[in-house]
Amino acid sequence: SSTSTVPPPPPQKTTYTPCEVRRHNTMSSCWIVVSSEIYDVTAFLNSHPGGVKSLLRYSGGRKDCASDMKFHSASAVKKMKRMKVGRVVECPGCGAGWERGVRRMRDVYKSEGDDPPCVIM
């Protein structure tokens, strides 16, 4: 009898460019950034005490939410840390790092229909 081995699944991606993060700004996929760390808060949207809009307002990396986390309880921060999906890295296509990438997205690509200039990995 022959036995076949199943290859292991590919490693989960853990780094994303600002342009990749930008695409996660909806009810069906809501990512926020806290000090360059990315959190998928989609499943928590309807449970957030501040309401859905408070998370969607800064989703897709529109703002670094680090200052907002200062008034959250230790329990809320612990819950958020379990939602971590990765971290923001510099874009290889345009060289935009986190802060410059956010400014570029906000100032230049205001229309949701526009694609960012950098490489989507």
N, C-alpha and C. Protein backbone atom coordinates (compact mmCIF):
# COMPACT_ATOMS: atom_id res chain seq x y z
N SER A 1 0.85 -1.17 0.00
CA SER A 1 0.00 0.00 0.00
C SER A 1 0.89 1.23 0.00
N SER A 2 0.49 2.17 -0.82
CA SER A 2 1.29 3.39 -0.89
C SER A 2 0.67 4.45 0.00
N THR A 3 1.51 5.15 0.65
CA THR A 3 1.01 6.25 1.49
C THR A 3 1.50 7.55 0.89
N SER A 4 0.57 8.46 0.76
CA SER A 4 0.97 9.77 0.26
C SER A 4 1.01 10.75 1.42
N THR A 5 1.94 11.62 1.35
CA THR A 5 2.04 12.63 2.40
C THR A 5 1.44 13.93 1.88
N VAL A 6 0.69 14.54 2.71
CA VAL A 6 0.08 15.82 2.36
C VAL A 6 1.05 16.91 2.78
N PRO A 7 1.37 17.81 1.85
CA PRO A 7 2.29 18.88 2.23
C PRO A 7 1.65 19.79 3.28
N PRO A 8 2.46 20.36 4.13
CA PRO A 8 1.91 21.26 5.14
C PRO A 8 1.32 22.50 4.47
N PRO A 9 0.34 23.13 5.11
CA PRO A 9 -0.22 24.35 4.52
C PRO A 9 0.84 25.44 4.48
N PRO A 10 0.70 26.37 3.55
CA PRO A 10 1.68 27.46 3.50
C PRO A 10 1.60 28.29 4.77
N PRO A 11 2.71 28.91 5.16
CA PRO A 11 2.68 29.73 6.36
C PRO A 11 1.72 30.90 6.18
N GLN A 12 1.06 31.26 7.26
CA GLN A 12 0.13 32.37 7.20
C GLN A 12 0.91 33.68 7.06
N LYS A 13 0.42 34.54 6.21
CA LYS A 13 1.06 35.83 6.00
C LYS A 13 0.92 36.68 7.26
N THR A 14 1.98 37.38 7.63
CA THR A 14 1.92 38.19 8.85
C THR A 14 2.36 39.63 8.64
N THR A 15 2.78 39.97 7.42
CA THR A 15 3.14 41.36 7.15
C THR A 15 2.32 41.87 5.97
N TYR A 16 1.92 43.13 6.07
CA TYR A 16 1.06 43.74 5.06
C TYR A 16 1.52 45.17 4.81
N THR A 17 1.40 45.62 3.57
CA THR A 17 1.73 47.00 3.23
C THR A 17 0.55 47.89 3.60
N PRO A 18 0.78 49.21 3.70
CA PRO A 18 -0.34 50.13 3.96
C PRO A 18 -1.46 49.97 2.92
N CYS A 19 -1.09 49.71 1.69
CA CYS A 19 -2.10 49.57 0.64
C CYS A 19 -2.93 48.30 0.82
N GLU A 20 -2.33 47.25 1.33
CA GLU A 20 -3.08 46.03 1.60
C GLU A 20 -4.04 46.24 2.76
N VAL A 21 -3.57 46.92 3.80
CA VAL A 21 -4.40 47.19 4.97
C VAL A 21 -5.60 48.05 4.57
N ARG A 22 -5.38 48.98 3.67
CA ARG A 22 -6.42 49.91 3.22
C ARG A 22 -7.67 49.18 2.72
N ARG A 23 -7.51 48.02 2.17
CA ARG A 23 -8.64 47.27 1.60
C ARG A 23 -9.56 46.67 2.66
N HIS A 24 -9.18 46.73 3.91
CA HIS A 24 -9.97 46.12 4.99
C HIS A 24 -10.67 47.21 5.79
N ASN A 25 -11.63 47.87 5.15
CA ASN A 25 -12.31 49.00 5.78
C ASN A 25 -13.83 48.91 5.65
N THR A 26 -14.34 47.68 5.74
CA THR A 26 -15.78 47.47 5.59
C THR A 26 -16.32 46.61 6.73
N MET A 27 -17.64 46.48 6.76
CA MET A 27 -18.29 45.62 7.75
C MET A 27 -17.87 44.16 7.59
N SER A 28 -17.54 43.76 6.37
CA SER A 28 -17.18 42.36 6.14
C SER A 28 -15.70 42.08 6.37
N SER A 29 -14.88 43.12 6.45
CA SER A 29 -13.46 42.97 6.75
C SER A 29 -12.94 44.27 7.32
N CYS A 30 -12.82 44.32 8.62
CA CYS A 30 -12.45 45.55 9.32
C CYS A 30 -11.16 45.35 10.11
N TRP A 31 -10.08 45.96 9.61
CA TRP A 31 -8.79 45.90 10.29
C TRP A 31 -8.46 47.28 10.85
N ILE A 32 -7.90 47.30 12.05
CA ILE A 32 -7.39 48.55 12.61
C ILE A 32 -5.90 48.36 12.88
N VAL A 33 -5.18 49.48 12.97
CA VAL A 33 -3.75 49.45 13.22
C VAL A 33 -3.46 50.17 14.53
N VAL A 34 -2.68 49.51 15.37
CA VAL A 34 -2.25 50.08 16.65
C VAL A 34 -0.74 49.93 16.70
N SER A 35 -0.03 51.05 16.58
CA SER A 35 1.44 51.05 16.62
C SER A 35 2.03 50.04 15.64
N SER A 36 1.58 50.09 14.41
CA SER A 36 2.04 49.24 13.31
C SER A 36 1.62 47.77 13.42
N GLU A 37 0.86 47.42 14.44
CA GLU A 37 0.32 46.07 14.57
C GLU A 37 -1.11 46.09 14.03
N ILE A 38 -1.48 45.05 13.27
CA ILE A 38 -2.78 44.99 12.61
C ILE A 38 -3.70 44.02 13.36
N TYR A 39 -4.93 44.47 13.57
CA TYR A 39 -5.92 43.65 14.26
C TYR A 39 -7.18 43.55 13.41
N ASP A 40 -7.68 42.33 13.24
CA ASP A 40 -8.93 42.10 12.51
C ASP A 40 -10.05 42.13 13.53
N VAL A 41 -10.78 43.24 13.57
CA VAL A 41 -11.85 43.43 14.55
C VAL A 41 -13.23 43.18 13.95
N THR A 42 -13.28 42.55 12.78
CA THR A 42 -14.54 42.31 12.09
C THR A 42 -15.57 41.62 12.99
N ALA A 43 -15.17 40.55 13.64
CA ALA A 43 -16.10 39.77 14.46
C ALA A 43 -16.56 40.56 15.69
N PHE A 44 -15.86 41.61 16.04
CA PHE A 44 -16.15 42.40 17.24
C PHE A 44 -16.96 43.66 16.94
N LEU A 45 -17.16 43.97 15.67
CA LEU A 45 -17.84 45.23 15.30
C LEU A 45 -19.14 45.46 16.05
N ASN A 46 -20.03 44.49 16.02
CA ASN A 46 -21.35 44.68 16.63
C ASN A 46 -21.34 44.60 18.15
N SER A 47 -20.22 44.18 18.74
CA SER A 47 -20.11 44.08 20.20
C SER A 47 -19.37 45.25 20.82
N HIS A 48 -18.72 46.07 20.02
CA HIS A 48 -17.91 47.16 20.55
C HIS A 48 -18.80 48.17 21.28
N PRO A 49 -18.48 48.47 22.53
CA PRO A 49 -19.31 49.40 23.30
C PRO A 49 -19.44 50.79 22.66
N GLY A 50 -18.44 51.19 21.91
CA GLY A 50 -18.49 52.50 21.24
C GLY A 50 -19.26 52.48 19.94
N GLY A 51 -19.71 51.31 19.54
CA GLY A 51 -20.50 51.19 18.31
C GLY A 51 -19.66 50.85 17.10
N VAL A 52 -20.34 50.41 16.07
CA VAL A 52 -19.70 50.01 14.82
C VAL A 52 -18.92 51.16 14.20
N LYS A 53 -19.52 52.34 14.18
CA LYS A 53 -18.88 53.49 13.52
C LYS A 53 -17.55 53.86 14.15
N SER A 54 -17.43 53.64 15.46
CA SER A 54 -16.16 54.02 16.12
C SER A 54 -15.00 53.18 15.61
N LEU A 55 -15.26 51.94 15.19
CA LEU A 55 -14.20 51.11 14.62
C LEU A 55 -14.05 51.35 13.12
N LEU A 56 -15.15 51.43 12.42
CA LEU A 56 -15.08 51.63 10.97
C LEU A 56 -14.42 52.96 10.60
N ARG A 57 -14.58 53.96 11.46
CA ARG A 57 -14.01 55.29 11.20
C ARG A 57 -12.50 55.21 10.95
N TYR A 58 -11.82 54.31 11.65
CA TYR A 58 -10.37 54.23 11.51
C TYR A 58 -9.90 52.92 10.87
N SER A 59 -10.84 52.17 10.33
CA SER A 59 -10.48 50.90 9.72
C SER A 59 -9.67 51.10 8.45
N GLY A 60 -8.98 50.08 8.04
CA GLY A 60 -8.16 50.17 6.84
C GLY A 60 -6.92 51.02 7.04
N GLY A 61 -6.55 51.26 8.28
CA GLY A 61 -5.34 52.03 8.56
C GLY A 61 -5.48 53.51 8.39
N ARG A 62 -6.70 54.03 8.47
CA ARG A 62 -6.90 55.48 8.31
C ARG A 62 -6.22 56.28 9.40
N LYS A 63 -5.99 55.63 10.55
CA LYS A 63 -5.35 56.30 11.68
C LYS A 63 -4.68 55.23 12.52
N ASP A 64 -3.59 55.60 13.17
CA ASP A 64 -2.98 54.71 14.15
C ASP A 64 -3.81 54.86 15.43
N CYS A 65 -4.39 53.78 15.88
CA CYS A 65 -5.30 53.81 17.03
C CYS A 65 -4.60 53.68 18.38
N ALA A 66 -3.28 53.83 18.41
CA ALA A 66 -2.53 53.66 19.66
C ALA A 66 -3.04 54.59 20.76
N SER A 67 -3.29 55.85 20.43
CA SER A 67 -3.75 56.79 21.46
C SER A 67 -5.15 56.43 21.95
N ASP A 68 -5.97 55.85 21.09
CA ASP A 68 -7.31 55.44 21.49
C ASP A 68 -7.29 54.27 22.47
N MET A 69 -6.26 53.46 22.42
CA MET A 69 -6.19 52.30 23.29
C MET A 69 -5.88 52.67 24.74
N LYS A 70 -5.42 53.90 24.96
CA LYS A 70 -5.05 54.32 26.32
C LYS A 70 -6.24 54.33 27.28
N PHE A 71 -7.45 54.55 26.77
CA PHE A 71 -8.60 54.61 27.67
C PHE A 71 -9.38 53.29 27.70
N HIS A 72 -8.88 52.26 27.06
CA HIS A 72 -9.52 50.94 27.09
C HIS A 72 -9.04 50.15 28.31
N SER A 73 -9.88 49.28 28.79
CA SER A 73 -9.52 48.46 29.95
C SER A 73 -8.48 47.42 29.57
N ALA A 74 -7.83 46.87 30.58
CA ALA A 74 -6.85 45.80 30.34
C ALA A 74 -7.53 44.61 29.69
N SER A 75 -8.75 44.35 30.06
CA SER A 75 -9.50 43.24 29.47
C SER A 75 -9.76 43.48 27.98
N ALA A 76 -10.09 44.71 27.62
CA ALA A 76 -10.34 45.04 26.21
C ALA A 76 -9.06 44.91 25.39
N VAL A 77 -7.94 45.36 25.96
CA VAL A 77 -6.66 45.26 25.26
C VAL A 77 -6.28 43.79 25.08
N LYS A 78 -6.51 42.98 26.09
CA LYS A 78 -6.21 41.55 26.01
C LYS A 78 -7.05 40.89 24.91
N LYS A 79 -8.32 41.24 24.84
CA LYS A 79 -9.21 40.70 23.81
C LYS A 79 -8.73 41.12 22.43
N MET A 80 -8.33 42.39 22.28
CA MET A 80 -7.87 42.89 20.99
C MET A 80 -6.60 42.14 20.55
N LYS A 81 -5.71 41.88 21.47
CA LYS A 81 -4.44 41.22 21.11
C LYS A 81 -4.66 39.84 20.52
N ARG A 82 -5.77 39.20 20.88
CA ARG A 82 -6.09 37.90 20.29
C ARG A 82 -6.55 38.03 18.83
N MET A 83 -6.84 39.23 18.41
CA MET A 83 -7.32 39.49 17.05
C MET A 83 -6.19 39.90 16.11
N LYS A 84 -4.96 39.86 16.58
CA LYS A 84 -3.82 40.31 15.77
C LYS A 84 -3.63 39.42 14.54
N VAL A 85 -3.45 40.08 13.40
CA VAL A 85 -3.21 39.34 12.16
C VAL A 85 -1.81 39.58 11.60
N GLY A 86 -1.14 40.61 12.07
CA GLY A 86 0.20 40.88 11.55
C GLY A 86 0.65 42.29 11.87
N ARG A 87 1.57 42.77 11.03
CA ARG A 87 2.10 44.12 11.21
C ARG A 87 2.26 44.80 9.86
N VAL A 88 2.28 46.11 9.90
CA VAL A 88 2.44 46.90 8.68
C VAL A 88 3.92 47.05 8.38
N VAL A 89 4.27 46.85 7.10
CA VAL A 89 5.66 47.01 6.66
C VAL A 89 5.70 47.97 5.48
N GLU A 90 6.89 48.40 5.16
CA GLU A 90 7.08 49.31 4.03
C GLU A 90 6.64 48.64 2.73
N CYS A 91 6.05 49.43 1.86
CA CYS A 91 5.58 48.92 0.58
C CYS A 91 6.76 48.82 -0.39
N PRO A 92 6.98 47.64 -0.98
CA PRO A 92 8.10 47.48 -1.91
C PRO A 92 7.88 48.21 -3.24
N GLY A 93 6.63 48.54 -3.57
CA GLY A 93 6.35 49.20 -4.84
C GLY A 93 6.60 50.70 -4.82
N CYS A 94 6.18 51.35 -3.73
CA CYS A 94 6.32 52.81 -3.69
C CYS A 94 7.22 53.28 -2.56
N GLY A 95 7.65 52.35 -1.70
CA GLY A 95 8.55 52.71 -0.61
C GLY A 95 7.86 53.36 0.57
N ALA A 96 6.53 53.41 0.53
CA ALA A 96 5.80 54.05 1.62
C ALA A 96 5.79 53.16 2.85
N GLY A 97 6.28 53.71 3.94
CA GLY A 97 6.18 53.02 5.22
C GLY A 97 4.82 53.31 5.81
N TRP A 98 4.60 52.91 7.04
CA TRP A 98 3.29 53.03 7.66
C TRP A 98 2.78 54.46 7.66
N GLU A 99 3.49 55.41 8.28
CA GLU A 99 2.96 56.76 8.40
C GLU A 99 2.86 57.46 7.06
N ARG A 100 3.89 57.35 6.24
CA ARG A 100 3.85 57.99 4.93
C ARG A 100 2.77 57.35 4.05
N GLY A 101 2.63 56.04 4.18
CA GLY A 101 1.60 55.34 3.41
C GLY A 101 0.20 55.78 3.79
N VAL A 102 -0.04 55.98 5.07
CA VAL A 102 -1.35 56.45 5.52
C VAL A 102 -1.62 57.85 5.00
N ARG A 103 -0.63 58.73 5.09
CA ARG A 103 -0.81 60.10 4.57
C ARG A 103 -1.08 60.07 3.08
N ARG A 104 -0.32 59.24 2.37
CA ARG A 104 -0.48 59.14 0.92
C ARG A 104 -1.88 58.64 0.56
N MET A 105 -2.33 57.62 1.26
CA MET A 105 -3.66 57.09 0.99
C MET A 105 -4.73 58.13 1.29
N ARG A 106 -4.60 58.85 2.38
CA ARG A 106 -5.60 59.82 2.78
C ARG A 106 -5.63 61.02 1.84
N ASP A 107 -4.46 61.51 1.46
CA ASP A 107 -4.38 62.74 0.68
C ASP A 107 -4.55 62.54 -0.82
N VAL A 108 -4.02 61.47 -1.34
CA VAL A 108 -4.00 61.30 -2.79
C VAL A 108 -5.10 60.39 -3.30
N TYR A 109 -5.38 59.32 -2.57
CA TYR A 109 -6.32 58.31 -3.06
C TYR A 109 -7.60 58.33 -2.25
N LYS A 110 -8.33 59.43 -2.33
CA LYS A 110 -9.53 59.60 -1.53
C LYS A 110 -10.69 58.75 -2.05
N SER A 111 -10.72 58.50 -3.31
CA SER A 111 -11.79 57.70 -3.89
C SER A 111 -11.53 56.23 -3.62
N GLU A 112 -12.52 55.54 -3.08
CA GLU A 112 -12.37 54.12 -2.80
C GLU A 112 -12.14 53.30 -4.06
N GLY A 113 -12.51 53.83 -5.21
CA GLY A 113 -12.34 53.12 -6.46
C GLY A 113 -10.92 53.15 -6.99
N ASP A 114 -10.09 54.06 -6.47
CA ASP A 114 -8.72 54.15 -6.94
C ASP A 114 -7.87 53.05 -6.34
N ASP A 115 -7.03 52.49 -7.14
CA ASP A 115 -6.08 51.52 -6.62
C ASP A 115 -4.81 52.25 -6.22
N PRO A 116 -4.19 51.84 -5.14
CA PRO A 116 -2.94 52.47 -4.72
C PRO A 116 -1.84 52.16 -5.73
N PRO A 117 -0.79 52.99 -5.74
CA PRO A 117 0.27 52.82 -6.72
C PRO A 117 1.23 51.69 -6.41
N CYS A 118 1.18 51.16 -5.21
CA CYS A 118 2.21 50.19 -4.84
C CYS A 118 1.79 48.76 -5.13
N VAL A 119 2.73 47.89 -4.94
CA VAL A 119 2.55 46.48 -5.24
C VAL A 119 1.64 45.86 -4.18
N ILE A 120 0.62 45.14 -4.63
CA ILE A 120 -0.23 44.40 -3.71
C ILE A 120 0.30 42.97 -3.69
N MET A 121 0.79 42.58 -2.54
CA MET A 121 1.46 41.28 -2.43
C MET A 121 0.45 40.18 -2.17
